[in-house]
Amino acid sequence: MLLKNSKSSYLTYRTGTLKAAKALDVTCALYNATKAAWNAVTVPAQKNDPNC
């Protein structure tokens, strides 16, 4: 979370980690696992969330 700032929140972390997961794994397996983890702790989807 090197990109954190004073306006960071779980919502922005969700989007950031989904973007990173998508960039790291072209099969979408990491993205799907990351998305499932955020959904499990009830952090809602954001309009900026990437699709994979």
C-alpha atoms as a PDB file:
ATOM      1  CA  MET A   1       0.000   0.000   0.000  1.00  0.00           C
ATOM      2  CA  LEU A   2       2.740   2.381  -1.003  1.00  0.00           C
ATOM      3  CA  LEU A   3       0.150   4.602  -2.691  1.00  0.00           C
ATOM      4  CA  LYS A   4      -1.728   5.399   0.507  1.00  0.00           C
ATOM      5  CA  ASN A   5      -2.425   8.998   1.463  1.00  0.00           C
ATOM      6  CA  SER A   6      -4.621  10.903   3.894  1.00  0.00           C
ATOM      7  CA  LYS A   7      -7.732  10.078   1.861  1.00  0.00           C
ATOM      8  CA  SER A   8      -7.055   6.324   1.692  1.00  0.00           C
ATOM      9  CA  SER A   9      -9.781   3.989   2.840  1.00  0.00           C
ATOM     10  CA  TYR A  10     -10.780   0.359   2.528  1.00  0.00           C
ATOM     11  CA  LEU A  11     -12.736   1.350  -0.579  1.00  0.00           C
ATOM     12  CA  THR A  12      -9.650   2.753  -2.285  1.00  0.00           C
ATOM     13  CA  TYR A  13      -7.552  -0.198  -1.089  1.00  0.00           C
ATOM     14  CA  ARG A  14     -10.075  -2.559  -2.685  1.00  0.00           C
ATOM     15  CA  THR A  15      -9.730  -0.858  -6.063  1.00  0.00           C
ATOM     16  CA  GLY A  16      -5.950  -0.673  -5.781  1.00  0.00           C
ATOM     17  CA  THR A  17      -5.501  -4.303  -4.869  1.00  0.00           C
ATOM     18  CA  LEU A  18      -7.849  -5.422  -7.647  1.00  0.00           C
ATOM     19  CA  LYS A  19      -5.861  -3.387 -10.182  1.00  0.00           C
ATOM     20  CA  ALA A  20      -2.619  -4.893  -8.899  1.00  0.00           C
ATOM     21  CA  ALA A  21      -4.006  -8.432  -8.957  1.00  0.00           C
ATOM     22  CA  LYS A  22      -5.181  -7.980 -12.530  1.00  0.00           C
ATOM     23  CA  ALA A  23      -1.777  -6.659 -13.595  1.00  0.00           C
ATOM     24  CA  LEU A  24       0.109  -9.494 -11.890  1.00  0.00           C
ATOM     25  CA  ASP A  25      -1.933 -12.440 -13.175  1.00  0.00           C
ATOM     26  CA  VAL A  26      -3.393 -12.585 -16.688  1.00  0.00           C
ATOM     27  CA  THR A  27      -5.425 -15.714 -15.821  1.00  0.00           C
ATOM     28  CA  CYS A  28      -7.587 -13.671 -13.410  1.00  0.00           C
ATOM     29  CA  ALA A  29      -7.155 -16.260 -10.649  1.00  0.00           C
ATOM     30  CA  LEU A  30      -5.449 -13.764  -8.317  1.00  0.00           C
ATOM     31  CA  TYR A  31      -7.990 -11.091  -9.226  1.00  0.00           C
ATOM     32  CA  ASN A  32     -10.894 -13.433  -8.428  1.00  0.00           C
ATOM     33  CA  ALA A  33      -9.353 -14.446  -5.102  1.00  0.00           C
ATOM     34  CA  THR A  34      -8.713 -10.823  -4.167  1.00  0.00           C
ATOM     35  CA  LYS A  35     -12.243  -9.810  -5.121  1.00  0.00           C
ATOM     36  CA  ALA A  36     -13.684 -12.709  -3.108  1.00  0.00           C
ATOM     37  CA  ALA A  37     -11.664 -11.632  -0.067  1.00  0.00           C
ATOM     38  CA  TRP A  38     -12.983  -8.055  -0.248  1.00  0.00           C
ATOM     39  CA  ASN A  39     -16.522  -9.348  -0.731  1.00  0.00           C
ATOM     40  CA  ALA A  40     -16.102 -11.646   2.280  1.00  0.00           C
ATOM     41  CA  VAL A  41     -15.378  -8.685   4.544  1.00  0.00           C
ATOM     42  CA  THR A  42     -18.244  -6.744   2.952  1.00  0.00           C
ATOM     43  CA  VAL A  43     -16.266  -3.969   1.312  1.00  0.00           C
ATOM     44  CA  PRO A  44     -18.591  -3.023  -1.567  1.00  0.00           C
ATOM     45  CA  ALA A  45     -17.636  -2.806  -5.214  1.00  0.00           C
ATOM     46  CA  GLN A  46     -16.564   0.608  -6.476  1.00  0.00           C
ATOM     47  CA  LYS A  47     -17.169   2.263  -9.840  1.00  0.00           C
ATOM     48  CA  ASN A  48     -13.383   2.364 -10.411  1.00  0.00           C
ATOM     49  CA  ASP A  49     -12.909  -1.374  -9.817  1.00  0.00           C
ATOM     50  CA  PRO A  50     -11.397  -3.094 -12.847  1.00  0.00           C
ATOM     51  CA  ASN A  51     -12.981  -6.088 -14.551  1.00  0.00           C
ATOM     52  CA  CYS A  52     -11.080  -9.207 -15.378  1.00  0.00           C
END
